[in-house]
Structure formats: C-alpha cells, structure tokens
C-alpha cells in the first residue's frame, strides 16, 4: 500500500513536469501548478482518509442522500399545506 501511494505521487510529479514542459506559453503555468498542487495534496492525504474510513465516494453518496432527504421533506410539507388548503 505504501509503495502504491509513493508510485502515485511520483507519477503525478512526472506528469506535472511533462505538462509544464509541453505548454507553449507561460500564461497558464500558474493555473496548472495550482491544479497539480491540489491533486498532490489529495494524493498525500488519501492514506489518512483511508485509515479513518473516509472515502470520497462515500462522502459524495452521503451528501446526495441528504439532498434527496431535504427534497422529500420539502415536497411532503408542500403536499401537507395543499391538503390543509383543500380541506378548508
């Protein structure tokens, strides 16, 4: 696991170096460095997140589920209000 993690970081650094050498103008260099830096941070923190059981997919699914719950509650409230309005 540790070797895979190190390989991912090294390969990202190699890709970053290659991309920076290939871009024709230096106008976008800071944006590419910023993006690659964010990816490197995520790669560096991935073992810590894995140890805590936090995976991006699980977090995303949890957020989507919570959004669906909120939408269902809103719809339910709307239906209840309509029923009260009809009953009068």
PDB file of N, CA and C in Angstrom:
ATOM      1  N   UNK A   1       0.822  -1.193   0.000  1.00  0.00           N
ATOM      2  CA  UNK A   1       0.000   0.000   0.000  1.00  0.00           C
ATOM      3  C   UNK A   1       0.871   1.264   0.000  1.00  0.00           C
ATOM      4  N   UNK A   2       1.885   1.255   0.788  1.00  0.00           N
ATOM      5  CA  UNK A   2       2.781   2.408   0.851  1.00  0.00           C
ATOM      6  C   UNK A   2       3.492   2.623  -0.477  1.00  0.00           C
ATOM      7  N   UNK A   3       3.929   1.530  -1.095  1.00  0.00           N
ATOM      8  CA  UNK A   3       4.624   1.656  -2.377  1.00  0.00           C
ATOM      9  C   UNK A   3       3.681   2.179  -3.460  1.00  0.00           C
ATOM     10  N   UNK A   4       2.427   1.754  -3.443  1.00  0.00           N
ATOM     11  CA  UNK A   4       1.454   2.271  -4.423  1.00  0.00           C
ATOM     12  C   UNK A   4       1.233   3.767  -4.222  1.00  0.00           C
ATOM     13  N   UNK A   5       1.163   4.177  -2.981  1.00  0.00           N
ATOM     14  CA  UNK A   5       0.953   5.586  -2.658  1.00  0.00           C
ATOM     15  C   UNK A   5       2.125   6.423  -3.170  1.00  0.00           C
ATOM     16  N   UNK A   6       3.341   5.937  -2.929  1.00  0.00           N
ATOM     17  CA  UNK A   6       4.540   6.641  -3.390  1.00  0.00           C
ATOM     18  C   UNK A   6       4.588   6.660  -4.918  1.00  0.00           C
ATOM     19  N   UNK A   7       4.206   5.543  -5.551  1.00  0.00           N
ATOM     20  CA  UNK A   7       4.193   5.489  -7.013  1.00  0.00           C
ATOM     21  C   UNK A   7       3.203   6.498  -7.592  1.00  0.00           C
ATOM     22  N   UNK A   8       2.051   6.651  -6.965  1.00  0.00           N
ATOM     23  CA  UNK A   8       1.059   7.616  -7.444  1.00  0.00           C
ATOM     24  C   UNK A   8       1.599   9.045  -7.354  1.00  0.00           C
ATOM     25  N   UNK A   9       2.250   9.347  -6.253  1.00  0.00           N
ATOM     26  CA  UNK A   9       2.802  10.696  -6.082  1.00  0.00           C
ATOM     27  C   UNK A   9       3.909  10.958  -7.100  1.00  0.00           C
ATOM     28  N   UNK A  10       4.790   9.994  -7.280  1.00  0.00           N
ATOM     29  CA  UNK A  10       5.881  10.160  -8.244  1.00  0.00           C
ATOM     30  C   UNK A  10       5.342  10.292  -9.659  1.00  0.00           C
ATOM     31  N   UNK A  11       4.349   9.464 -10.005  1.00  0.00           N
ATOM     32  CA  UNK A  11       3.796   9.557 -11.358  1.00  0.00           C
ATOM     33  C   UNK A  11       3.104  10.896 -11.572  1.00  0.00           C
ATOM     34  N   UNK A  12       2.450  11.421 -10.553  1.00  0.00           N
ATOM     35  CA  UNK A  12       1.816  12.734 -10.673  1.00  0.00           C
ATOM     36  C   UNK A  12       2.864  13.819 -10.865  1.00  0.00           C
ATOM     37  N   UNK A  13       3.960  13.724 -10.148  1.00  0.00           N
ATOM     38  CA  UNK A  13       5.042  14.697 -10.318  1.00  0.00           C
ATOM     39  C   UNK A  13       5.636  14.626 -11.729  1.00  0.00           C
ATOM     40  N   UNK A  14       5.765  13.415 -12.259  1.00  0.00           N
ATOM     41  CA  UNK A  14       6.282  13.260 -13.615  1.00  0.00           C
ATOM     42  C   UNK A  14       5.319  13.845 -14.643  1.00  0.00           C
ATOM     43  N   UNK A  15       4.036  13.572 -14.471  1.00  0.00           N
ATOM     44  CA  UNK A  15       3.035  14.118 -15.392  1.00  0.00           C
ATOM     45  C   UNK A  15       3.038  15.641 -15.303  1.00  0.00           C
ATOM     46  N   UNK A  16       3.109  16.159 -14.094  1.00  0.00           N
ATOM     47  CA  UNK A  16       3.138  17.608 -13.907  1.00  0.00           C
ATOM     48  C   UNK A  16       4.349  18.220 -14.612  1.00  0.00           C
ATOM     49  N   UNK A  17       5.506  17.610 -14.467  1.00  0.00           N
ATOM     50  CA  UNK A  17       6.719  18.114 -15.121  1.00  0.00           C
ATOM     51  C   UNK A  17       6.573  18.078 -16.636  1.00  0.00           C
ATOM     52  N   UNK A  18       6.015  16.975 -17.152  1.00  0.00           N
ATOM     53  CA  UNK A  18       5.841  16.848 -18.597  1.00  0.00           C
ATOM     54  C   UNK A  18       4.878  17.898 -19.132  1.00  0.00           C
ATOM     55  N   UNK A  19       3.784  18.102 -18.432  1.00  0.00           N
ATOM     56  CA  UNK A  19       2.792  19.086 -18.878  1.00  0.00           C
ATOM     57  C   UNK A  19       3.388  20.484 -18.861  1.00  0.00           C
ATOM     58  N   UNK A  20       4.128  20.801 -17.829  1.00  0.00           N
ATOM     59  CA  UNK A  20       4.740  22.131 -17.740  1.00  0.00           C
ATOM     60  C   UNK A  20       5.772  22.357 -18.846  1.00  0.00           C
ATOM     61  N   UNK A  21       6.431  21.292 -19.297  1.00  0.00           N
ATOM     62  CA  UNK A  21       7.401  21.421 -20.381  1.00  0.00           C
ATOM     63  C   UNK A  21       6.726  21.554 -21.745  1.00  0.00           C
ATOM     64  N   UNK A  22       5.526  20.983 -21.877  1.00  0.00           N
ATOM     65  CA  UNK A  22       4.840  20.936 -23.160  1.00  0.00           C
ATOM     66  C   UNK A  22       4.038  22.196 -23.450  1.00  0.00           C
ATOM     67  N   UNK A  23       3.522  22.863 -22.432  1.00  0.00           N
ATOM     68  CA  UNK A  23       2.675  24.029 -22.689  1.00  0.00           C
ATOM     69  C   UNK A  23       3.468  25.100 -23.427  1.00  0.00           C
ATOM     70  N   UNK A  24       2.871  25.642 -24.481  1.00  0.00           N
ATOM     71  CA  UNK A  24       3.619  26.597 -25.301  1.00  0.00           C
ATOM     72  C   UNK A  24       3.851  27.947 -24.624  1.00  0.00           C
ATOM     73  N   UNK A  25       2.856  28.474 -23.984  1.00  0.00           N
ATOM     74  CA  UNK A  25       3.013  29.770 -23.328  1.00  0.00           C
ATOM     75  C   UNK A  25       3.079  29.597 -21.827  1.00  0.00           C
ATOM     76  N   UNK A  26       3.608  30.579 -21.182  1.00  0.00           N
ATOM     77  CA  UNK A  26       3.717  30.502 -19.720  1.00  0.00           C
ATOM     78  C   UNK A  26       2.525  31.179 -19.038  1.00  0.00           C
ATOM     79  N   UNK A  27       1.509  31.564 -19.834  1.00  0.00           N
ATOM     80  CA  UNK A  27       0.345  32.249 -19.272  1.00  0.00           C
ATOM     81  C   UNK A  27      -0.444  31.364 -18.306  1.00  0.00           C
ATOM     82  N   UNK A  28      -0.546  30.078 -18.636  1.00  0.00           N
ATOM     83  CA  UNK A  28      -1.364  29.173 -17.831  1.00  0.00           C
ATOM     84  C   UNK A  28      -0.545  28.355 -16.834  1.00  0.00           C
ATOM     85  N   UNK A  29       0.721  28.618 -16.734  1.00  0.00           N
ATOM     86  CA  UNK A  29       1.592  27.825 -15.865  1.00  0.00           C
ATOM     87  C   UNK A  29       1.146  27.870 -14.411  1.00  0.00           C
ATOM     88  N   UNK A  30       0.760  29.038 -13.924  1.00  0.00           N
ATOM     89  CA  UNK A  30       0.363  29.129 -12.515  1.00  0.00           C
ATOM     90  C   UNK A  30      -0.924  28.352 -12.246  1.00  0.00           C
ATOM     91  N   UNK A  31      -1.834  28.300 -13.227  1.00  0.00           N
ATOM     92  CA  UNK A  31      -3.070  27.551 -13.049  1.00  0.00           C
ATOM     93  C   UNK A  31      -2.809  26.053 -13.049  1.00  0.00           C
ATOM     94  N   UNK A  32      -1.913  25.628 -13.931  1.00  0.00           N
ATOM     95  CA  UNK A  32      -1.568  24.207 -13.983  1.00  0.00           C
ATOM     96  C   UNK A  32      -0.853  23.795 -12.703  1.00  0.00           C
ATOM     97  N   UNK A  33       0.049  24.630 -12.224  1.00  0.00           N
ATOM     98  CA  UNK A  33       0.743  24.335 -10.962  1.00  0.00           C
ATOM     99  C   UNK A  33      -0.250  24.271  -9.789  1.00  0.00           C
ATOM    100  N   UNK A  34      -1.210  25.190  -9.784  1.00  0.00           N
ATOM    101  CA  UNK A  34      -2.219  25.203  -8.724  1.00  0.00           C
ATOM    102  C   UNK A  34      -3.034  23.919  -8.736  1.00  0.00           C
ATOM    103  N   UNK A  35      -3.520  23.530  -9.932  1.00  0.00           N
ATOM    104  CA  UNK A  35      -4.316  22.317 -10.049  1.00  0.00           C
ATOM    105  C   UNK A  35      -3.510  21.086  -9.646  1.00  0.00           C
ATOM    106  N   UNK A  36      -2.295  20.987 -10.143  1.00  0.00           N
ATOM    107  CA  UNK A  36      -1.442  19.841  -9.799  1.00  0.00           C
ATOM    108  C   UNK A  36      -1.130  19.820  -8.302  1.00  0.00           C
ATOM    109  N   UNK A  37      -0.980  20.989  -7.714  1.00  0.00           N
ATOM    110  CA  UNK A  37      -0.754  21.057  -6.274  1.00  0.00           C
ATOM    111  C   UNK A  37      -1.937  20.524  -5.492  1.00  0.00           C
ATOM    112  N   UNK A  38      -3.141  20.864  -5.944  1.00  0.00           N
ATOM    113  CA  UNK A  38      -4.336  20.333  -5.284  1.00  0.00           C
ATOM    114  C   UNK A  38      -4.407  18.815  -5.406  1.00  0.00           C
ATOM    115  N   UNK A  39      -4.092  18.308  -6.581  1.00  0.00           N
ATOM    116  CA  UNK A  39      -4.098  16.852  -6.778  1.00  0.00           C
ATOM    117  C   UNK A  39      -3.056  16.192  -5.891  1.00  0.00           C
ATOM    118  N   UNK A  40      -1.890  16.800  -5.790  1.00  0.00           N
ATOM    119  CA  UNK A  40      -0.840  16.242  -4.920  1.00  0.00           C
ATOM    120  C   UNK A  40      -1.268  16.243  -3.452  1.00  0.00           C
ATOM    121  N   UNK A  41      -1.944  17.291  -3.036  1.00  0.00           N
ATOM    122  CA  UNK A  41      -2.434  17.334  -1.652  1.00  0.00           C
ATOM    123  C   UNK A  41      -3.432  16.204  -1.422  1.00  0.00           C
ATOM    124  N   UNK A  42      -4.345  16.004  -2.368  1.00  0.00           N
ATOM    125  CA  UNK A  42      -5.314  14.911  -2.230  1.00  0.00           C
ATOM    126  C   UNK A  42      -4.621  13.559  -2.206  1.00  0.00           C
ATOM    127  N   UNK A  43      -3.620  13.389  -3.051  1.00  0.00           N
ATOM    128  CA  UNK A  43      -2.867  12.133  -3.049  1.00  0.00           C
ATOM    129  C   UNK A  43      -2.131  11.929  -1.732  1.00  0.00           C
ATOM    130  N   UNK A  44      -1.570  13.001  -1.207  1.00  0.00           N
ATOM    131  CA  UNK A  44      -0.821  12.892   0.047  1.00  0.00           C
ATOM    132  C   UNK A  44      -1.736  12.563   1.218  1.00  0.00           C
ATOM    133  N   UNK A  45      -2.959  13.072   1.184  1.00  0.00           N
ATOM    134  CA  UNK A  45      -3.893  12.844   2.289  1.00  0.00           C
ATOM    135  C   UNK A  45      -4.728  11.574   2.135  1.00  0.00           C
ATOM    136  N   UNK A  46      -4.667  10.931   0.998  1.00  0.00           N
ATOM    137  CA  UNK A  46      -5.502   9.753   0.777  1.00  0.00           C
ATOM    138  C   UNK A  46      -5.265   8.617   1.778  1.00  0.00           C
ATOM    139  N   UNK A  47      -4.022   8.319   2.199  1.00  0.00           N
ATOM    140  CA  UNK A  47      -3.861   7.258   3.202  1.00  0.00           C
ATOM    141  C   UNK A  47      -4.492   7.612   4.550  1.00  0.00           C
ATOM    142  N   UNK A  48      -4.415   8.880   4.914  1.00  0.00           N
ATOM    143  CA  UNK A  48      -5.023   9.313   6.176  1.00  0.00           C
ATOM    144  C   UNK A  48      -6.537   9.150   6.102  1.00  0.00           C
ATOM    145  N   UNK A  49      -7.106   9.539   4.978  1.00  0.00           N
ATOM    146  CA  UNK A  49      -8.553   9.401   4.800  1.00  0.00           C
ATOM    147  C   UNK A  49      -8.954   7.933   4.773  1.00  0.00           C
ATOM    148  N   UNK A  50      -8.134   7.095   4.158  1.00  0.00           N
ATOM    149  CA  UNK A  50      -8.437   5.667   4.101  1.00  0.00           C
ATOM    150  C   UNK A  50      -8.381   5.044   5.494  1.00  0.00           C
ATOM    151  N   UNK A  51      -7.456   5.492   6.311  1.00  0.00           N
ATOM    152  CA  UNK A  51      -7.354   4.963   7.669  1.00  0.00           C
ATOM    153  C   UNK A  51      -8.579   5.341   8.503  1.00  0.00           C
ATOM    154  N   UNK A  52      -9.105   6.527   8.262  1.00  0.00           N
ATOM    155  CA  UNK A  52     -10.276   6.971   9.007  1.00  0.00           C
ATOM    156  C   UNK A  52     -11.573   6.447   8.397  1.00  0.00           C
ATOM    157  N   UNK A  53     -11.473   5.766   7.277  1.00  0.00           N
ATOM    158  CA  UNK A  53     -12.659   5.227   6.635  1.00  0.00           C
ATOM    159  C   UNK A  53     -13.419   6.258   5.823  1.00  0.00           C
ATOM    160  N   UNK A  54     -12.789   7.368   5.545  1.00  0.00           N
ATOM    161  CA  UNK A  54     -13.427   8.404   4.745  1.00  0.00           C
ATOM    162  C   UNK A  54     -13.005   8.238   3.297  1.00  0.00           C
ATOM    163  N   UNK A  55     -13.952   7.935   2.478  1.00  0.00           N
ATOM    164  CA  UNK A  55     -13.658   7.822   1.055  1.00  0.00           C
ATOM    165  C   UNK A  55     -14.507   8.834   0.330  1.00  0.00           C
ATOM    166  N   UNK A  56     -13.960   9.394  -0.701  1.00  0.00           N
ATOM    167  CA  UNK A  56     -14.648  10.456  -1.435  1.00  0.00           C
ATOM    168  C   UNK A  56     -16.001   9.977  -1.949  1.00  0.00           C
ATOM    169  N   UNK A  57     -16.059   8.752  -2.417  1.00  0.00           N
ATOM    170  CA  UNK A  57     -17.311   8.222  -2.950  1.00  0.00           C
ATOM    171  C   UNK A  57     -18.373   8.127  -1.856  1.00  0.00           C
ATOM    172  N   UNK A  58     -17.983   7.649  -0.701  1.00  0.00           N
ATOM    173  CA  UNK A  58     -18.935   7.543   0.407  1.00  0.00           C
ATOM    174  C   UNK A  58     -19.408   8.924   0.845  1.00  0.00           C
ATOM    175  N   UNK A  59     -18.500   9.884   0.897  1.00  0.00           N
ATOM    176  CA  UNK A  59     -18.860  11.241   1.280  1.00  0.00           C
ATOM    177  C   UNK A  59     -19.839  11.821   0.271  1.00  0.00           C
ATOM    178  N   UNK A  60     -19.569  11.617  -1.015  1.00  0.00           N
ATOM    179  CA  UNK A  60     -20.441  12.135  -2.061  1.00  0.00           C
ATOM    180  C   UNK A  60     -21.821  11.496  -1.955  1.00  0.00           C
ATOM    181  N   UNK A  61     -21.867  10.170  -1.765  1.00  0.00           N
ATOM    182  CA  UNK A  61     -23.152   9.477  -1.657  1.00  0.00           C
ATOM    183  C   UNK A  61     -23.932   9.976  -0.449  1.00  0.00           C
ATOM    184  N   UNK A  62     -23.253  10.238   0.639  1.00  0.00           N
ATOM    185  CA  UNK A  62     -23.908  10.754   1.833  1.00  0.00           C
ATOM    186  C   UNK A  62     -24.511  12.126   1.549  1.00  0.00           C
ATOM    187  N   UNK A  63     -23.762  12.984   0.867  1.00  0.00           N
ATOM    188  CA  UNK A  63     -24.257  14.318   0.530  1.00  0.00           C
ATOM    189  C   UNK A  63     -25.465  14.232  -0.398  1.00  0.00           C
ATOM    190  N   UNK A  64     -25.410  13.357  -1.392  1.00  0.00           N
ATOM    191  CA  UNK A  64     -26.534  13.195  -2.317  1.00  0.00           C
ATOM    192  C   UNK A  64     -27.756  12.695  -1.560  1.00  0.00           C
ATOM    193  N   UNK A  65     -27.550  11.730  -0.679  1.00  0.00           N
ATOM    194  CA  UNK A  65     -28.654  11.198   0.119  1.00  0.00           C
ATOM    195  C   UNK A  65     -29.289  12.295   0.968  1.00  0.00           C
ATOM    196  N   UNK A  66     -28.472  13.130   1.583  1.00  0.00           N
ATOM    197  CA  UNK A  66     -29.002  14.219   2.398  1.00  0.00           C
ATOM    198  C   UNK A  66     -29.785  15.217   1.551  1.00  0.00           C
ATOM    199  N   UNK A  67     -29.331  15.469   0.338  1.00  0.00           N
ATOM    200  CA  UNK A  67     -30.061  16.371  -0.556  1.00  0.00           C
ATOM    201  C   UNK A  67     -31.416  15.776  -0.922  1.00  0.00           C
ATOM    202  N   UNK A  68     -31.456  14.470  -1.202  1.00  0.00           N
ATOM    203  CA  UNK A  68     -32.727  13.811  -1.502  1.00  0.00           C
ATOM    204  C   UNK A  68     -33.668  13.877  -0.298  1.00  0.00           C
ATOM    205  N   UNK A  69     -33.132  13.671   0.891  1.00  0.00           N
ATOM    206  CA  UNK A  69     -33.956  13.762   2.105  1.00  0.00           C
ATOM    207  C   UNK A  69     -34.593  15.143   2.234  1.00  0.00           C
ATOM    208  N   UNK A  70     -33.793  16.186   2.025  1.00  0.00           N
ATOM    209  CA  UNK A  70     -34.307  17.553   2.123  1.00  0.00           C
ATOM    210  C   UNK A  70     -35.395  17.801   1.085  1.00  0.00           C
ATOM    211  N   UNK A  71     -35.183  17.294  -0.131  1.00  0.00           N
ATOM    212  CA  UNK A  71     -36.165  17.492  -1.196  1.00  0.00           C
ATOM    213  C   UNK A  71     -37.464  16.762  -0.871  1.00  0.00           C
ATOM    214  N   UNK A  72     -37.370  15.573  -0.332  1.00  0.00           N
ATOM    215  CA  UNK A  72     -38.565  14.815   0.043  1.00  0.00           C
ATOM    216  C   UNK A  72     -39.312  15.536   1.159  1.00  0.00           C
ATOM    217  N   UNK A  73     -38.584  16.072   2.134  1.00  0.00           N
ATOM    218  CA  UNK A  73     -39.225  16.820   3.217  1.00  0.00           C
ATOM    219  C   UNK A  73     -39.953  18.053   2.673  1.00  0.00           C
ATOM    220  N   UNK A  74     -39.322  18.752   1.734  1.00  0.00           N
ATOM    221  CA  UNK A  74     -39.967  19.933   1.135  1.00  0.00           C
ATOM    222  C   UNK A  74     -41.235  19.543   0.392  1.00  0.00           C
ATOM    223  N   UNK A  75     -41.162  18.469  -0.363  1.00  0.00           N
ATOM    224  CA  UNK A  75     -42.333  18.003  -1.107  1.00  0.00           C
ATOM    225  C   UNK A  75     -43.438  17.570  -0.157  1.00  0.00           C
ATOM    226  N   UNK A  76     -43.051  16.890   0.909  1.00  0.00           N
ATOM    227  CA  UNK A  76     -44.030  16.439   1.904  1.00  0.00           C
ATOM    228  C   UNK A  76     -44.716  17.627   2.560  1.00  0.00           C
ATOM    229  N   UNK A  77     -43.946  18.628   2.931  1.00  0.00           N
ATOM    230  CA  UNK A  77     -44.516  19.836   3.525  1.00  0.00           C
ATOM    231  C   UNK A  77     -45.457  20.530   2.558  1.00  0.00           C
ATOM    232  N   UNK A  78     -45.084  20.578   1.306  1.00  0.00           N
ATOM    233  CA  UNK A  78     -45.916  21.206   0.284  1.00  0.00           C
ATOM    234  C   UNK A  78     -47.235  20.467   0.127  1.00  0.00           C
ATOM    235  N   UNK A  79     -47.170  19.151   0.113  1.00  0.00           N
ATOM    236  CA  UNK A  79     -48.388  18.342  -0.007  1.00  0.00           C
ATOM    237  C   UNK A  79     -49.282  18.537   1.203  1.00  0.00           C
ATOM    238  N   UNK A  80     -48.698  18.590   2.398  1.00  0.00           N
ATOM    239  CA  UNK A  80     -49.484  18.802   3.615  1.00  0.00           C
ATOM    240  C   UNK A  80     -50.172  20.155   3.574  1.00  0.00           C
ATOM    241  N   UNK A  81     -49.454  21.177   3.115  1.00  0.00           N
ATOM    242  CA  UNK A  81     -50.069  22.518   3.009  1.00  0.00           C
ATOM    243  C   UNK A  81     -51.221  22.519   2.021  1.00  0.00           C
ATOM    244  N   UNK A  82     -51.053  21.810   0.921  1.00  0.00           N
ATOM    245  CA  UNK A  82     -52.126  21.730  -0.086  1.00  0.00           C
ATOM    246  C   UNK A  82     -53.344  21.020   0.484  1.00  0.00           C
ATOM    247  N   UNK A  83     -53.112  19.946   1.250  1.00  0.00           N
ATOM    248  CA  UNK A  83     -54.218  19.200   1.844  1.00  0.00           C
ATOM    249  C   UNK A  83     -54.983  20.066   2.832  1.00  0.00           C
ATOM    250  N   UNK A  84     -54.268  20.857   3.619  1.00  0.00           N
ATOM    251  CA  UNK A  84     -54.905  21.751   4.583  1.00  0.00           C
ATOM    252  C   UNK A  84     -55.714  22.808   3.842  1.00  0.00           C
ATOM    253  N   UNK A  85     -55.173  23.315   2.782  1.00  0.00           N
ATOM    254  CA  UNK A  85     -55.863  24.314   1.977  1.00  0.00           C
ATOM    255  C   UNK A  85     -57.099  23.761   1.305  1.00  0.00           C
ATOM    256  N   UNK A  86     -57.055  22.509   0.870  1.00  0.00           N
ATOM    257  CA  UNK A  86     -58.198  21.871   0.202  1.00  0.00           C
ATOM    258  C   UNK A  86     -59.285  21.557   1.209  1.00  0.00           C
ATOM    259  N   UNK A  87     -58.915  21.146   2.410  1.00  0.00           N
ATOM    260  CA  UNK A  87     -59.873  20.756   3.427  1.00  0.00           C
ATOM    261  C   UNK A  87     -60.701  21.925   3.956  1.00  0.00           C
ATOM    262  N   UNK A  88     -60.271  23.143   3.761  1.00  0.00           N
ATOM    263  CA  UNK A  88     -60.979  24.310   4.322  1.00  0.00           C
ATOM    264  C   UNK A  88     -62.136  24.701   3.502  1.00  0.00           C
TER     265      UNK A  88
END
